[in-house]
Amino acid sequence: MAIQEEVRRYWLPILLSAAGFLFQLFVLPKSFPPSHYDALRIERFAPVERVVEAYGILSKEWLAETNDQSTVDILKIRYAYELLTNPILKRDYDLFGLDHHKDVLERVKDQYQKEHFLKVDLPLLKDSLVHSSDDAFNVLTYESFMSAIAEDYPMLILVYSKGSPRCAQFIEHWKQIATRLDGLANTAMVEVGDGQLAGYFAEQRFSQRPFFRNGIPALVAYPANCRSPSCYMRFPGELTVDSVVDWVASSIVGLPRILYYSKEALGPQFIGKTSHHKVKVIFFSSTGERATPFLRQAAQEYSSYASFAFVLWKEDESQIWWNSLGVESAPALVFLKGPGAKPVVYHGTFSKSEFTEIMEEHKHQELRQLRSDTSLELGCDARGHSRARKDMAIWYCVVVAGRPGVELSKKRQILRKAQDQLLSAVDASTTRNVDKIVEVASAATALKDDRLTFVWLDGDLQKKICAFYLATDYNGACGPRGFEDDNDKPEVFIVRFQRNATYEALKADKRHNLMDTLQGQDTPDASQLVARYNGPDEILEINKWVSQIIKDGDAREIPYFTSKVPDLLPEETSKEWLSGTKSIRSAGKSIKERVKNNGFSIKDYLTEPRVGPALLLLACISWGTIWFKHSQATQKTKDETPKDKTEGRRRPKLSTTLFGQPTTEGDAGPEPKDARQWDLEDSDSDQ
């Protein structure tokens, strides 16, 4: 029992001592295997002459009759000799501990372990020098490296060695990576022979010796906002073209990803959830590969205009895509430019320049949305001008306003077709109905001259300006849906804008007056007159109505007046991908990135020689602390003596007087009148 109590009391120092001895005897030796210099029985970093001399001495022992070395030991010596006599291989081994051909040693050990060493095919490293430098390009020196990271442009660096077979195999993949990242990030190479420069990218253990954890080739990248040599990010994954390009595009540059959708999810998850004002761009791929960097870059640049998605082409679904979108085969590119608009389909692959031209042509919907960031461009803002020119006095804007939904989509489709009819009516050769051309001539001419614009307005979000133009409460077309207001009624109206040169001149003369300036900040520059359409939802009737409004508005003299118009509310911009890349693009500044780039892991602690002594020291300290506390408690117990049982706790003396003062016989007060003296029979006085 006493032994068990002692073990229970000293369990912590026992555990620490055992861990310390196990670490020193078993773990640490495995973390420091014998080096190639140890195989030759020479000091570390010995020169080539010393290596040759040591090998000559050991090789004579092989031929001696008393030789008791195994074939495996002889192979280790031979391999060490060939490696350390090669200048490039010895350099890499001495600088960073790189052993590019250790797989060769393992292979010949398995092949000849039961054979006599004279049967070994020598030399072991027949192709020890790989001339990968012939394919190297943009190799950095220390001076060019410092100037390269000073540029405000991302950079990907490959650390390679001339003597590494892996580097020679990877060089073709590196060329493909550089081609894909062209225009997105710079690429460069660093040879490990440049010890000062390669040392920036090497990790360090507790021994302060630099090393590359995953060997070479190794990839590091500098974000665009990086100016220090130490703020790079190290590539953590497998060295494939697709994974490297995706890592640079996502983690270094911060480009958004383009997701894949199935045929069931494309409608509700992509088309239904993306912003109503954006063009839907759909890529059909037969391989399922990630989007190329220039596509992701386009998704970032055109994020205000379009949403992007990928679909994996399957032959059993080809009929569905043909009937719905008109896609015959993959690869293909589809643009959806609004409700009811015919999909625009391109088949084949496209270069970056070709795709940019296509995007510029189709980045807008056929019927654009009136938004806070497009009102001036569309010519539907009283503070701006027409699309034609700034000196245009009168122009018009046809608007369909309503809550986003089925009814608004139908009205948008009708208004878009009305716009298309006017565009075709501009050229008389596109139609044979001359009467219809005359009926819509004013509107067609205004549209051709950029004095007429067709747009749609989100009446839910832009409820104030919607109610202002329609002179109505928040119902039907404007404002959010109520509990009892599910009847969506989109409205079509036209706004006539007019500028007055005299008013603008007077306004310019009053700039010196602060009060007038403040009052003029909210005063539109153009007069506005609104007319609502109450006719049938027929394309020709709408165009007739628009044409008559324009004809009357251009001919009549309408008094100039201005009024305060509610501002368009800013629309939400869907750039969620930015929040996920801000922290990543600040590489080297966060603690997480510093720890990751420093490269310390649990395995590195196994190479720290001070771990074992530290554990033993902690064991001694804990044993001493426990022994001291236990000895102190035992000594205190021995010094304490047991108290008399009859003694008990002393009671406080009770006062014999009213005020607690002690009394003596001389100080006794007068005897009470009714006091009596009792005689006790057994008292000593009676005896």
Foldseek 3Di string as FASTA:
>chain_A
DVVVVVCVLQVQLVVLQVVLVCLQPPLQDVLPDDDLCVLLPHDPPDALVVLVVSLVVVVVLLPDPPNDDFLLSVLSNLVSNVQRNPVQSVLCCNQANDDQVVVLSVVVCVVDRPHRNVPDDPDSCPPQFAQLVVLFDQEDDPVRVLVVLQALFKEKEWEEERRHPVSSVCSVLVVVLCVLCVVHGHYHYYYVVNVVLVQLQFFAFPVRRTYHPVHDRWMWMAASPDNDSNQIFTDDDDPGNQSVQVCCLCQRRLFDWAEEDEPVCCVCPPVVPDDQQAKEKEWEAQPPGTDGSLVSVVCVVLLVQHHYHYYHDDPVCQVVCCVPQNDRDPGKMWIDQAQPDHIDIDHDDDDSVRVVVVCVVRSGHLAGACFQVCCQCLQNALQHHFVQDRPDFKAKEKEKFAAPDDVSRVLSNLLSVLVVVLCLLLDVVSDDPVVLSVLLVQVSVRVVSRRYHYHYYNQAQQVQLVCVQVVDHQAQGHHDADPPGPRHHIWIKMKMKGADPVVVVVLVVCPVPPVSVVVCVQKGRIAIDMDTDDDDSHSSVVSSVVSVCSVVVVPDDDDTDIDGGDRGDHDDRPPPSVVVHPVSNSGPPDPVNVCVSSPDDPSSVSNDPVSSVVSSVVSVVVVVVSVVVVVVVVVVVVPDDDDDPVVPDDDDDDAPDPVRDHDDPVRDDDDDPPDDDDDDPPDPVVD
